[in-house]
Amino acid sequence: MYHYDQYDRQIVTERIAQYADQVRRRIADELTEEEFKPLRLQNGLYMQRHAYMLRVAVPYGMVSSDQMRMFASIARKYDRGYGHFTTRQNIQYNWINLEDTPQILADLATVEMHAIQTSGNCIRNITSDEYCGVAADELIDPRPLAEIMRQWSTFHPEFAYLPRKFKLAFNGAVEDRAATAVHDIGFTVLENAAGELGLRVMVGGGMGRTPILGSVICDFLPWQHMLTYTEAIMRVYNQHGRRDNIYKARIKILVKAIGIEEFRRQVEAEWVDLKDDPSTITQEEFDRVASYFVPHRYDTLAGDDAAITALKTSDKAFGAWTRRNVKAHKVPGYAIALLSLKKTGVPPGDATAEQMDFVASLAERFSFGEIRVTHEQNLVLADVRQSDLPALFKEAKAHGLATPNIGLLTDIICCPGGDFCSLANAKSIPIAAAISERFDNLDFQHDIGEIELNISGCINACGHHHVGNIGILGVDKDGAEWYQVSIGGAQGNQSAIGKIIGPSFSAQQMPTVIERLLEVYVRDRFEDERFIDTTRRIGVAPFKDHVYATPIKTKHHIAGEDAHA
């Protein structure tokens, strides 16, 4: 993974000193909150319902064991003993005191981390496929280009105050696990017929109030021009993106308004004068950054471990875990292991300080000291010897990290919602908890098969509900918390925006709504057909008819919800 050089260290050190003075001035009332707000936001600090929230950047989802231990230390010392991993592959702390934040950033700097540009109208943390460099279906490792983009975009003076926040994602595999279609710019690294490296560039994707899938603006961009072409896109957006309406300020609105052909024409015109400027990436620079991402020194192994294959059959629990939480690795004899942060009773994406310390130790023992964060809010040990899987499973299970539900119903993606976020219309965590408790039967979940359930507490869609096979959106209804349901959303190669099935539901009704959706699926599915495939085949109508056929009785109060909701 990438390591800071002298320039990185100097930049981060100077930013911490600058921010510390800003905090001092705010505490002394030399800065008003209005004056302080843009300063704290570009250092990742939000004001939420109960306290400040600090969002720490995890570039393309990669964390070292030392960095994970620092996350644990911050959770113990400055928060309430836990952190929350997000759909942007970052970590957030929800109970932060303002006066502590300069020291937190100084602590992060000791392990080469920061919170720069994790908020504000700028280029945010750059995300990627969590299996970069190890996936069996990977064509090209996109991390060197993602890192070059990170370095270029950090503190870029021209793009520090864009019309709205801006998100980029990189994919280099056959299956798009980076959700590139719902990013402002999505890059897919590929090779052409001549063996040349380049990128397919999508632009104008996003969720929120107006969910839109991105459009391809360039089928094959030579990698040398990645920064100059991105700069051309950013300039067109910066000039013409709306600043009069926050809800219409994202690049997706501009692309939709003028059309992808006109947007491409303007970008190409802007690019003429940029194409060969100093931002053109040289082979030397690419090689310098790529040197941080060379493959580990793997042992030479025969391939699938026969003893492990047999154990999958003889040990039911281990077999279930390997089917759901273990993925194919490109190196024979190795595997990718996922640690689920979705144990029933725990808010999705949360990890305690003790768990984070434990994961750091696991990474050192089993995975070259590296951890990945997924945008599904789980953790990954990317380089595990197959022969080590039983030991890893046993220890992960003892620490509540081995629930075999990756990709299943209770692997719920969920934002913090109204429990913390001041923007939320409704709570998300209690809904996730109620659904998990209703369907906390692994045999049932395995029978239902792959299904993605996403929950957002407001239209900002931090829970990515638009691309959930089942999406749940918290809405305000006469001062009460209600929930709108959509189905048919998907990420990946067949990305789709879900369709709303009808009027919203109360919090207490939500588990039964999910149950009725699943009843239609079980009734109408073909053999081995996934929920999303059944939804695409039969449409929304059968689900809607069944859900609304009879009133849904509400017998139980959902923990954390107001009685009138």
Protein backbone atom coordinates (compact mmCIF):
# COMPACT_ATOMS: atom_id res chain seq x y z
CA MET A 1 0.00 0.00 0.00
CA TYR A 2 1.03 3.62 -0.49
CA HIS A 3 3.33 5.29 2.08
CA TYR A 4 3.73 9.02 2.63
CA ASP A 5 6.77 10.79 1.24
CA GLN A 6 8.23 14.04 2.59
CA TYR A 7 5.71 16.13 0.66
CA ASP A 8 2.74 14.20 2.04
CA ARG A 9 4.04 14.59 5.59
CA GLN A 10 4.66 18.30 5.18
CA ILE A 11 1.22 18.92 3.69
CA VAL A 12 -0.59 17.03 6.45
CA THR A 13 1.51 18.57 9.23
CA GLU A 14 0.89 22.10 7.98
CA ARG A 15 -2.82 21.45 7.57
CA ILE A 16 -3.08 20.19 11.17
CA ALA A 17 -1.36 23.32 12.48
CA GLN A 18 -3.63 25.53 10.39
CA TYR A 19 -6.73 23.68 11.58
CA ALA A 20 -5.62 23.75 15.23
CA ASP A 21 -5.47 27.52 15.06
CA GLN A 22 -8.91 27.63 13.47
CA VAL A 23 -10.30 25.53 16.33
CA ARG A 24 -8.59 27.77 18.89
CA ARG A 25 -10.18 30.82 17.29
CA ARG A 26 -13.62 29.16 17.19
CA ILE A 27 -13.48 28.19 20.87
CA ALA A 28 -12.42 31.75 21.71
CA ASP A 29 -15.35 33.08 19.63
CA GLU A 30 -12.95 34.81 17.27
CA LEU A 31 -14.70 32.84 14.51
CA THR A 32 -18.46 32.49 14.26
CA GLU A 33 -19.94 29.08 13.52
CA GLU A 34 -20.82 30.31 10.04
CA GLU A 35 -17.19 31.29 9.45
CA PHE A 36 -15.88 28.07 10.99
CA LYS A 37 -18.22 25.69 9.14
CA PRO A 38 -16.42 25.55 5.75
CA LEU A 39 -13.07 25.24 7.56
CA ARG A 40 -14.13 22.27 9.67
CA LEU A 41 -15.98 20.56 6.84
CA GLN A 42 -12.90 20.27 4.65
CA ASN A 43 -11.23 18.64 7.63
CA GLY A 44 -14.02 16.07 7.88
CA LEU A 45 -15.80 17.53 10.91
CA TYR A 46 -19.62 17.69 10.93
CA MET A 47 -22.01 18.99 13.55
CA GLN A 48 -24.67 16.34 14.16
CA ARG A 49 -27.58 15.87 16.56
CA HIS A 50 -25.62 15.20 19.74
CA ALA A 51 -21.98 15.99 19.05
CA TYR A 52 -19.45 16.54 16.32
CA MET A 53 -18.82 13.68 13.88
CA LEU A 54 -15.35 13.18 12.42
CA ARG A 55 -14.97 11.32 9.12
CA VAL A 56 -11.51 9.87 8.43
CA ALA A 57 -10.41 9.17 4.85
CA VAL A 58 -9.54 5.62 3.84
CA PRO A 59 -8.25 5.99 0.26
CA TYR A 60 -9.61 3.22 -1.98
CA GLY A 61 -10.50 1.29 1.18
CA MET A 62 -7.00 0.16 2.22
CA VAL A 63 -5.86 0.15 5.85
CA SER A 64 -2.71 -1.20 7.51
CA SER A 65 -2.79 -2.98 10.85
CA ASP A 66 -1.13 0.05 12.48
CA GLN A 67 -3.80 2.32 11.04
CA MET A 68 -6.57 0.03 12.29
CA ARG A 69 -5.04 0.11 15.76
CA MET A 70 -5.07 3.90 15.59
CA PHE A 71 -8.76 3.76 14.72
CA ALA A 72 -9.26 1.67 17.86
CA SER A 73 -7.21 4.10 19.97
CA ILE A 74 -9.25 7.08 18.78
CA ALA A 75 -12.49 5.21 19.54
CA ARG A 76 -11.33 4.55 23.11
CA LYS A 77 -9.75 7.90 23.87
CA TYR A 78 -12.02 10.37 22.10
CA ASP A 79 -15.30 8.59 21.32
CA ARG A 80 -17.48 5.99 23.05
CA GLY A 81 -15.44 2.91 22.21
CA TYR A 82 -16.50 2.26 18.62
CA GLY A 83 -16.35 3.55 15.06
CA HIS A 84 -18.64 3.30 12.05
CA PHE A 85 -17.40 2.14 8.63
CA THR A 86 -19.28 3.86 5.82
CA THR A 87 -20.41 3.26 2.25
CA ARG A 88 -17.54 5.52 1.14
CA GLN A 89 -15.00 3.09 2.65
CA ASN A 90 -14.26 5.66 5.40
CA ILE A 91 -14.61 5.48 9.17
CA GLN A 92 -16.70 7.93 11.23
CA TYR A 93 -16.73 8.78 14.92
CA ASN A 94 -20.03 10.14 16.21
CA TRP A 95 -19.20 11.50 19.68
CA ILE A 96 -16.27 13.88 19.19
CA ASN A 97 -15.45 17.00 21.21
CA LEU A 98 -14.34 19.97 19.15
CA GLU A 99 -11.33 20.72 21.34
CA ASP A 100 -9.99 17.19 20.80
CA THR A 101 -10.04 17.27 17.00
CA PRO A 102 -6.59 18.81 16.37
CA GLN A 103 -4.97 16.10 18.50
CA ILE A 104 -7.00 13.39 16.78
CA LEU A 105 -5.73 14.60 13.41
CA ALA A 106 -2.18 14.71 14.81
CA ASP A 107 -2.58 11.12 16.01
CA LEU A 108 -3.85 10.06 12.59
CA ALA A 109 -0.85 11.69 10.92
CA THR A 110 1.50 9.41 12.86
CA VAL A 111 0.07 6.48 10.87
CA GLU A 112 -0.20 8.39 7.58
CA MET A 113 -3.90 9.16 7.68
CA HIS A 114 -6.03 12.31 7.65
CA ALA A 115 -9.57 13.63 7.30
CA ILE A 116 -8.89 16.11 4.50
CA GLN A 117 -11.70 16.53 1.95
CA THR A 118 -13.99 13.96 3.53
CA SER A 119 -16.61 16.68 3.39
CA GLY A 120 -17.21 19.95 1.62
CA ASN A 121 -17.83 20.80 -2.03
CA CYS A 122 -14.64 19.21 -3.26
CA ILE A 123 -13.35 15.88 -4.58
CA ARG A 124 -14.05 13.41 -1.78
CA ASN A 125 -12.35 10.18 -0.76
CA ILE A 126 -11.65 8.05 -3.85
CA THR A 127 -13.12 4.57 -3.67
CA SER A 128 -12.45 1.29 -5.48
CA ASP A 129 -13.13 -2.41 -5.64
CA GLU A 130 -12.27 -3.79 -2.20
CA TYR A 131 -10.57 -6.78 -3.86
CA CYS A 132 -8.12 -4.70 -5.92
CA GLY A 133 -4.95 -6.63 -6.73
CA VAL A 134 -6.25 -10.03 -5.58
CA ALA A 135 -9.62 -10.73 -7.23
CA ALA A 136 -9.77 -13.77 -9.47
CA ASP A 137 -11.73 -11.76 -12.08
CA GLU A 138 -9.46 -8.71 -12.01
CA LEU A 139 -8.02 -7.63 -15.34
CA ILE A 140 -5.86 -4.76 -14.09
CA ASP A 141 -5.14 -3.43 -10.60
CA PRO A 142 -6.55 0.14 -10.56
CA ARG A 143 -4.91 1.23 -7.30
CA PRO A 144 -1.89 3.02 -8.83
CA LEU A 145 -4.19 5.23 -10.89
CA ALA A 146 -6.51 5.75 -7.93
CA GLU A 147 -3.53 6.89 -5.84
CA ILE A 148 -2.30 9.23 -8.57
CA MET A 149 -5.81 10.70 -8.71
CA ARG A 150 -5.85 11.07 -4.92
CA GLN A 151 -2.59 12.99 -4.90
CA TRP A 152 -3.69 15.24 -7.77
CA SER A 153 -7.10 16.03 -6.33
CA THR A 154 -6.04 16.74 -2.75
CA PHE A 155 -5.89 20.51 -2.23
CA HIS A 156 -6.38 21.17 -5.95
CA PRO A 157 -7.01 24.93 -5.77
CA GLU A 158 -9.32 25.08 -8.78
CA PHE A 159 -11.69 22.47 -7.36
CA ALA A 160 -11.79 23.37 -3.66
CA TYR A 161 -15.22 25.05 -3.93
CA LEU A 162 -17.22 23.16 -6.52
CA PRO A 163 -20.98 23.61 -6.95
CA ARG A 164 -21.38 20.42 -4.86
CA LYS A 165 -19.46 17.44 -3.52
CA PHE A 166 -17.75 15.21 -6.07
CA LYS A 167 -17.13 11.45 -5.90
CA LEU A 168 -14.86 9.21 -7.99
CA ALA A 169 -14.54 5.42 -8.10
CA PHE A 170 -12.19 2.96 -9.80
CA ASN A 171 -12.79 -0.59 -11.01
CA GLY A 172 -10.42 -2.99 -12.76
CA ALA A 173 -12.31 -6.29 -12.72
CA VAL A 174 -14.90 -8.07 -14.85
CA GLU A 175 -17.52 -7.49 -12.15
CA ASP A 176 -17.91 -3.86 -11.13
CA ARG A 177 -17.74 -3.97 -7.34
CA ALA A 178 -16.96 -0.24 -7.11
CA ALA A 179 -20.44 0.91 -8.21
CA THR A 180 -18.91 3.18 -10.85
CA ALA A 181 -22.29 3.87 -12.48
CA VAL A 182 -23.53 5.88 -9.49
CA HIS A 183 -20.50 8.14 -9.11
CA ASP A 184 -19.86 11.61 -10.49
CA ILE A 185 -17.02 10.02 -12.44
CA GLY A 186 -16.50 6.28 -12.63
CA PHE A 187 -13.32 4.79 -14.11
CA THR A 188 -12.94 1.23 -15.36
CA VAL A 189 -9.32 0.32 -16.06
CA LEU A 190 -8.94 -1.96 -19.09
CA GLU A 191 -6.73 -3.00 -21.98
CA ASN A 192 -7.52 -2.55 -25.66
CA ALA A 193 -6.85 -5.07 -28.42
CA ALA A 194 -3.29 -3.80 -28.75
CA GLY A 195 -2.59 -4.45 -25.06
CA GLU A 196 -2.55 -0.75 -24.20
CA LEU A 197 -3.76 0.41 -20.80
CA GLY A 198 -6.65 2.85 -20.64
CA LEU A 199 -9.92 3.75 -18.96
CA ARG A 200 -13.59 3.69 -19.80
CA VAL A 201 -14.96 6.88 -18.26
CA MET A 202 -18.53 7.32 -17.02
CA VAL A 203 -19.86 10.67 -15.88
CA GLY A 204 -22.99 12.02 -14.26
CA GLY A 205 -24.00 9.16 -12.00
CA GLY A 206 -25.29 9.65 -8.49
CA MET A 207 -28.04 9.01 -6.00
CA GLY A 208 -29.70 11.48 -3.65
CA ARG A 209 -32.83 13.40 -4.57
CA THR A 210 -32.42 12.65 -8.29
CA PRO A 211 -30.87 9.18 -8.77
CA ILE A 212 -29.23 8.79 -12.17
CA LEU A 213 -26.94 6.18 -13.70
CA GLY A 214 -23.82 7.60 -15.31
CA SER A 215 -23.23 7.79 -19.05
CA VAL A 216 -20.09 6.73 -20.89
CA ILE A 217 -18.27 9.84 -22.02
CA CYS A 218 -15.12 8.07 -23.27
CA ASP A 219 -14.82 4.41 -24.24
CA PHE A 220 -11.04 4.29 -24.05
CA LEU A 221 -8.91 7.03 -22.54
CA PRO A 222 -5.14 6.41 -22.54
CA TRP A 223 -4.04 6.31 -18.89
CA GLN A 224 -1.53 9.10 -19.44
CA HIS A 225 -4.44 11.53 -19.91
CA MET A 226 -6.49 10.50 -16.86
CA LEU A 227 -5.78 13.72 -14.96
CA THR A 228 -6.07 16.10 -17.90
CA TYR A 229 -9.37 14.59 -19.04
CA THR A 230 -10.70 14.68 -15.47
CA GLU A 231 -9.63 18.30 -15.25
CA ALA A 232 -11.58 19.08 -18.41
CA ILE A 233 -14.69 17.44 -16.95
CA MET A 234 -14.25 19.31 -13.69
CA ARG A 235 -13.82 22.65 -15.46
CA VAL A 236 -17.01 22.26 -17.46
CA TYR A 237 -18.85 21.31 -14.28
CA ASN A 238 -17.27 24.11 -12.25
CA GLN A 239 -18.26 26.69 -14.86
CA HIS A 240 -21.79 25.52 -15.61
CA GLY A 241 -22.93 23.52 -12.58
CA ARG A 242 -25.78 25.20 -10.71
CA ARG A 243 -24.94 27.09 -7.53
CA ASP A 244 -28.39 28.59 -6.93
CA ASN A 245 -30.03 25.34 -5.79
CA ILE A 246 -28.24 22.77 -3.63
CA TYR A 247 -30.59 20.03 -4.86
CA LYS A 248 -29.69 20.65 -8.50
CA ALA A 249 -25.98 21.32 -8.07
CA ARG A 250 -24.49 17.87 -8.77
CA ILE A 251 -22.83 17.14 -12.12
CA LYS A 252 -25.56 14.60 -12.91
CA ILE A 253 -28.08 17.46 -13.22
CA LEU A 254 -25.85 19.32 -15.67
CA VAL A 255 -25.25 16.21 -17.79
CA LYS A 256 -28.96 15.41 -17.84
CA ALA A 257 -29.91 19.00 -18.69
CA ILE A 258 -27.64 19.39 -21.72
CA GLY A 259 -27.29 15.71 -22.68
CA ILE A 260 -24.20 13.54 -22.75
CA GLU A 261 -23.33 14.44 -26.35
CA GLU A 262 -23.21 18.18 -25.64
CA PHE A 263 -21.42 17.61 -22.36
CA ARG A 264 -18.83 15.47 -24.18
CA ARG A 265 -18.39 18.20 -26.80
CA GLN A 266 -17.70 20.80 -24.14
CA VAL A 267 -15.27 18.52 -22.32
CA GLU A 268 -13.39 17.71 -25.52
CA ALA A 269 -13.16 21.42 -26.34
CA GLU A 270 -11.78 22.14 -22.86
CA TRP A 271 -9.39 19.20 -23.14
CA VAL A 272 -7.68 20.52 -26.29
CA ASP A 273 -5.53 22.94 -24.32
CA LEU A 274 -5.00 20.54 -21.40
CA LYS A 275 -4.19 17.31 -23.19
CA ASP A 276 -0.41 17.63 -23.09
CA ASP A 277 0.09 19.96 -20.13
CA PRO A 278 2.25 19.03 -17.08
CA SER A 279 -0.60 16.99 -15.58
CA THR A 280 -0.07 14.35 -18.27
CA ILE A 281 1.09 11.26 -16.37
CA THR A 282 4.58 10.05 -17.29
CA GLN A 283 5.68 6.44 -17.24
CA GLU A 284 8.16 7.36 -14.53
CA GLU A 285 5.42 8.74 -12.28
CA PHE A 286 3.16 5.75 -12.91
CA ASP A 287 6.00 3.36 -12.07
CA ARG A 288 6.82 5.31 -8.91
CA VAL A 289 3.29 4.97 -7.57
CA ALA A 290 2.79 1.43 -8.88
CA SER A 291 5.86 0.31 -6.90
CA TYR A 292 3.77 0.61 -3.74
CA PHE A 293 1.26 -1.93 -5.05
CA VAL A 294 3.43 -4.82 -6.17
CA PRO A 295 2.07 -8.27 -5.22
CA HIS A 296 3.09 -9.70 -1.87
CA ARG A 297 5.56 -12.55 -1.66
CA TYR A 298 3.07 -15.38 -1.80
CA ASP A 299 4.05 -18.94 -1.01
CA THR A 300 3.95 -21.38 -3.89
CA LEU A 301 0.95 -23.58 -3.16
CA ALA A 302 -0.67 -26.35 -5.16
CA GLY A 303 -4.11 -24.79 -5.33
CA ASP A 304 -7.31 -25.62 -3.45
CA ASP A 305 -6.44 -27.22 -0.13
CA ALA A 306 -7.94 -30.73 -0.01
CA ALA A 307 -8.25 -30.76 3.78
CA ILE A 308 -10.12 -27.44 3.72
CA THR A 309 -12.42 -28.69 0.99
CA ALA A 310 -13.29 -31.72 3.13
CA LEU A 311 -13.81 -29.59 6.24
CA LYS A 312 -16.37 -27.47 4.40
CA THR A 313 -18.54 -30.59 4.19
CA SER A 314 -17.90 -32.05 7.62
CA ASP A 315 -18.20 -28.79 9.59
CA LYS A 316 -21.55 -27.14 8.79
CA ALA A 317 -20.73 -23.79 10.40
CA PHE A 318 -17.36 -23.52 8.68
CA GLY A 319 -18.92 -24.59 5.39
CA ALA A 320 -21.60 -21.90 5.64
CA TRP A 321 -18.97 -19.27 6.41
CA THR A 322 -16.74 -20.23 3.50
CA ARG A 323 -19.69 -20.22 1.08
CA ARG A 324 -20.70 -16.68 1.98
CA ASN A 325 -17.62 -14.95 3.42
CA VAL A 326 -14.75 -16.41 1.40
CA LYS A 327 -14.05 -15.35 -2.19
CA ALA A 328 -11.71 -16.61 -4.91
CA HIS A 329 -8.14 -15.27 -4.97
CA LYS A 330 -6.02 -14.96 -8.11
CA VAL A 331 -3.08 -16.75 -6.42
CA PRO A 332 -3.43 -20.56 -6.03
CA GLY A 333 -3.84 -21.69 -2.44
CA TYR A 334 -4.99 -18.29 -1.17
CA ALA A 335 -8.44 -16.83 -0.44
CA ILE A 336 -10.16 -13.52 0.26
CA ALA A 337 -11.95 -13.58 3.62
CA LEU A 338 -14.66 -11.12 4.66
CA LEU A 339 -15.32 -10.19 8.27
CA SER A 340 -19.00 -9.36 8.67
CA LEU A 341 -19.93 -6.23 10.62
CA LYS A 342 -23.58 -7.25 10.41
CA LYS A 343 -24.14 -9.44 13.44
CA THR A 344 -27.76 -9.23 14.57
CA GLY A 345 -28.13 -6.67 17.34
CA VAL A 346 -25.22 -4.51 16.16
CA PRO A 347 -25.69 -1.38 14.00
CA PRO A 348 -24.46 -2.24 10.48
CA GLY A 349 -20.89 -1.07 9.91
CA ASP A 350 -20.05 -0.51 13.57
CA ALA A 351 -16.93 -2.02 15.12
CA THR A 352 -15.75 -1.72 18.71
CA ALA A 353 -12.23 -0.67 19.62
CA GLU A 354 -11.58 -4.22 20.80
CA GLN A 355 -12.74 -5.63 17.47
CA MET A 356 -10.57 -3.18 15.52
CA ASP A 357 -7.50 -4.15 17.57
CA PHE A 358 -8.37 -7.79 16.99
CA VAL A 359 -8.74 -7.29 13.23
CA ALA A 360 -5.32 -5.61 13.17
CA SER A 361 -3.82 -8.69 14.82
CA LEU A 362 -5.62 -11.00 12.41
CA ALA A 363 -4.26 -9.01 9.47
CA GLU A 364 -0.70 -9.37 10.74
CA ARG A 365 -1.07 -13.10 11.29
CA PHE A 366 -3.03 -14.01 8.19
CA SER A 367 -2.96 -11.23 5.56
CA PHE A 368 0.37 -9.35 5.29
CA GLY A 369 -0.82 -6.71 7.77
CA GLU A 370 -3.47 -5.21 5.48
CA ILE A 371 -7.23 -4.76 5.76
CA ARG A 372 -9.78 -3.54 3.22
CA VAL A 373 -13.03 -1.66 3.92
CA THR A 374 -15.95 -2.46 1.62
CA HIS A 375 -18.66 -0.02 0.58
CA GLU A 376 -21.07 -2.64 1.91
CA GLN A 377 -19.63 -1.76 5.36
CA ASN A 378 -17.68 -4.95 6.03
CA LEU A 379 -13.94 -5.65 6.39
CA VAL A 380 -11.70 -7.81 4.22
CA LEU A 381 -8.53 -9.82 4.79
CA ALA A 382 -7.44 -10.10 1.18
CA ASP A 383 -4.54 -12.57 1.30
CA VAL A 384 -5.35 -15.55 3.52
CA ARG A 385 -3.80 -18.96 2.95
CA GLN A 386 -6.59 -21.48 2.52
CA SER A 387 -4.98 -23.66 5.18
CA ASP A 388 -5.40 -20.77 7.66
CA LEU A 389 -9.14 -20.36 7.07
CA PRO A 390 -10.28 -22.68 9.92
CA ALA A 391 -8.16 -20.81 12.48
CA LEU A 392 -9.33 -17.47 11.13
CA PHE A 393 -12.97 -18.56 11.27
CA LYS A 394 -12.69 -19.79 14.85
CA GLU A 395 -11.11 -16.59 16.11
CA ALA A 396 -13.35 -14.26 14.09
CA LYS A 397 -16.43 -16.07 15.38
CA ALA A 398 -15.30 -15.59 18.98
CA HIS A 399 -15.18 -11.85 18.38
CA GLY A 400 -18.54 -11.53 16.60
CA LEU A 401 -17.03 -11.08 13.12
CA ALA A 402 -17.89 -14.36 11.41
CA THR A 403 -21.63 -14.13 10.73
CA PRO A 404 -22.00 -16.05 7.42
CA ASN A 405 -24.31 -13.52 5.82
CA ILE A 406 -22.26 -11.64 3.22
CA GLY A 407 -24.64 -10.84 0.35
CA LEU A 408 -27.65 -12.20 2.24
CA LEU A 409 -30.72 -10.50 3.71
CA THR A 410 -29.14 -9.40 7.01
CA ASP A 411 -26.01 -8.00 5.34
CA ILE A 412 -27.87 -4.70 5.47
CA ILE A 413 -26.28 -1.47 4.26
CA CYS A 414 -27.40 1.31 6.58
CA CYS A 415 -26.49 4.93 7.24
CA PRO A 416 -26.41 6.27 10.85
CA GLY A 417 -29.77 7.95 10.18
CA GLY A 418 -31.75 9.97 12.68
CA ASP A 419 -29.97 8.51 15.69
CA PHE A 420 -27.04 10.78 14.81
CA CYS A 421 -27.43 12.71 11.56
CA SER A 422 -29.07 16.14 11.71
CA LEU A 423 -30.11 15.82 8.05
CA ALA A 424 -32.06 12.60 8.51
CA ASN A 425 -35.84 12.46 8.34
CA ALA A 426 -36.01 9.14 10.14
CA LYS A 427 -33.94 6.61 12.04
CA SER A 428 -32.22 3.84 10.06
CA ILE A 429 -30.53 1.69 12.68
CA PRO A 430 -33.72 0.55 14.47
CA ILE A 431 -35.24 -0.51 11.14
CA ALA A 432 -32.13 -2.53 10.28
CA ALA A 433 -32.26 -4.10 13.74
CA ALA A 434 -35.93 -5.03 13.47
CA ILE A 435 -35.47 -6.64 10.04
CA SER A 436 -32.37 -8.53 11.16
CA GLU A 437 -34.17 -9.84 14.23
CA ARG A 438 -37.23 -10.92 12.20
CA PHE A 439 -35.10 -12.91 9.76
CA ASP A 440 -32.31 -14.04 12.10
CA ASN A 441 -32.33 -17.57 10.75
CA LEU A 442 -29.33 -18.45 8.63
CA ASP A 443 -31.00 -21.46 7.00
CA PHE A 444 -33.84 -19.18 5.85
CA GLN A 445 -31.39 -16.55 4.62
CA HIS A 446 -29.39 -19.09 2.64
CA ASP A 447 -32.62 -20.40 1.09
CA ILE A 448 -33.65 -16.88 0.08
CA GLY A 449 -30.20 -16.40 -1.45
CA GLU A 450 -28.45 -13.25 -2.56
CA ILE A 451 -30.33 -10.06 -1.85
CA GLU A 452 -29.18 -6.52 -1.13
CA LEU A 453 -31.19 -4.46 1.35
CA ASN A 454 -30.19 -0.81 1.76
CA ILE A 455 -31.54 1.79 4.20
CA SER A 456 -31.13 5.58 4.11
CA GLY A 457 -32.48 7.96 6.72
CA CYS A 458 -32.96 10.76 4.19
CA ILE A 459 -32.91 11.61 0.50
CA ASN A 460 -29.13 12.15 0.55
CA ALA A 461 -28.93 8.36 0.18
CA CYS A 462 -25.84 7.64 2.28
CA GLY A 463 -27.23 4.11 2.61
CA HIS A 464 -27.41 3.78 -1.20
CA HIS A 465 -31.07 2.75 -1.02
CA HIS A 466 -31.63 3.55 -4.70
CA VAL A 467 -29.43 0.63 -5.77
CA GLY A 468 -30.64 -1.86 -3.17
CA ASN A 469 -32.59 -4.85 -4.46
CA ILE A 470 -34.87 -3.64 -1.69
CA GLY A 471 -34.37 0.01 -0.78
CA ILE A 472 -35.79 1.76 2.27
CA LEU A 473 -35.90 5.54 2.56
CA GLY A 474 -36.84 7.42 5.72
CA VAL A 475 -39.36 10.21 5.08
CA ASP A 476 -41.10 12.79 7.22
CA LYS A 477 -44.87 12.44 7.26
CA ASP A 478 -46.59 15.12 9.33
CA GLY A 479 -43.77 15.11 11.84
CA ALA A 480 -43.61 11.31 12.13
CA GLU A 481 -41.02 8.89 10.78
CA TRP A 482 -42.23 6.78 7.85
CA TYR A 483 -40.47 4.64 5.26
CA GLN A 484 -40.74 4.49 1.48
CA VAL A 485 -39.86 1.17 -0.14
CA SER A 486 -38.41 0.51 -3.60
CA ILE A 487 -37.40 -2.70 -5.33
CA GLY A 488 -35.32 -3.59 -8.37
CA GLY A 489 -32.27 -1.48 -7.65
CA ALA A 490 -28.84 -2.97 -8.29
CA GLN A 491 -25.17 -2.07 -8.40
CA GLY A 492 -22.48 -3.69 -10.50
CA ASN A 493 -22.53 -4.54 -14.19
CA GLN A 494 -26.32 -4.35 -14.36
CA SER A 495 -26.81 -1.25 -12.25
CA ALA A 496 -30.38 -0.06 -11.88
CA ILE A 497 -32.37 2.46 -9.86
CA GLY A 498 -35.14 0.88 -7.80
CA LYS A 499 -38.83 1.67 -8.32
CA ILE A 500 -41.05 2.82 -5.46
CA ILE A 501 -43.80 0.28 -4.78
CA GLY A 502 -46.34 2.69 -3.27
CA PRO A 503 -47.25 4.74 -0.17
CA SER A 504 -44.88 4.73 2.79
CA PHE A 505 -45.05 2.57 5.93
CA SER A 506 -44.62 3.10 9.65
CA ALA A 507 -41.52 1.82 11.39
CA GLN A 508 -43.46 -1.01 13.03
CA GLN A 509 -44.76 -2.21 9.66
CA MET A 510 -41.36 -2.54 8.01
CA PRO A 511 -40.44 -6.13 8.99
CA THR A 512 -43.81 -7.34 7.71
CA VAL A 513 -43.37 -5.38 4.47
CA ILE A 514 -40.06 -7.18 3.88
CA GLU A 515 -41.73 -10.48 4.72
CA ARG A 516 -44.46 -9.89 2.14
CA LEU A 517 -41.93 -8.95 -0.54
CA LEU A 518 -40.09 -12.18 0.14
CA GLU A 519 -43.34 -14.17 -0.03
CA VAL A 520 -43.87 -12.99 -3.60
CA TYR A 521 -40.29 -13.84 -4.48
CA VAL A 522 -40.52 -17.36 -3.05
CA ARG A 523 -43.88 -17.88 -4.77
CA ASP A 524 -42.83 -16.68 -8.22
CA ARG A 525 -39.11 -17.38 -8.52
CA PHE A 526 -37.62 -19.88 -10.89
CA GLU A 527 -35.13 -22.40 -9.54
CA ASP A 528 -31.86 -20.72 -8.49
CA GLU A 529 -33.24 -17.31 -9.50
CA ARG A 530 -32.08 -14.39 -7.36
CA PHE A 531 -34.49 -11.82 -5.94
CA ILE A 532 -33.26 -9.15 -8.35
CA ASP A 533 -33.76 -11.45 -11.35
CA THR A 534 -37.30 -12.31 -10.29
CA THR A 535 -38.04 -8.62 -9.82
CA ARG A 536 -36.76 -7.81 -13.30
CA ARG A 537 -38.79 -10.62 -14.83
CA ILE A 538 -42.18 -10.03 -13.19
CA GLY A 539 -41.97 -6.29 -12.44
CA VAL A 540 -43.16 -4.28 -9.46
CA ALA A 541 -46.91 -4.96 -9.72
CA PRO A 542 -47.07 -8.45 -8.10
CA PHE A 543 -45.01 -7.24 -5.15
CA LYS A 544 -47.11 -4.12 -4.74
CA ASP A 545 -50.37 -6.04 -4.93
CA HIS A 546 -49.30 -8.49 -2.23
CA VAL A 547 -47.80 -5.90 0.14
CA TYR A 548 -50.90 -3.68 0.08
CA ALA A 549 -53.50 -6.48 -0.23
CA THR A 550 -54.43 -6.39 3.45
CA PRO A 551 -53.59 -3.92 6.23
CA ILE A 552 -50.36 -4.62 8.09
CA LYS A 553 -50.94 -5.01 11.80
CA THR A 554 -48.27 -3.56 14.09
CA LYS A 555 -47.87 -5.57 17.26
CA HIS A 556 -44.42 -4.64 18.43
CA HIS A 557 -42.67 -1.39 19.24
CA ILE A 558 -39.33 -0.97 17.48
CA ALA A 559 -36.54 -0.01 19.86
CA GLY A 560 -35.39 3.55 19.33
CA GLU A 561 -38.59 4.65 17.53
CA ASP A 562 -41.07 7.16 18.86
CA ALA A 563 -44.41 5.64 19.79
CA HIS A 564 -46.34 7.73 17.25
CA ALA A 565 -44.10 6.78 14.28
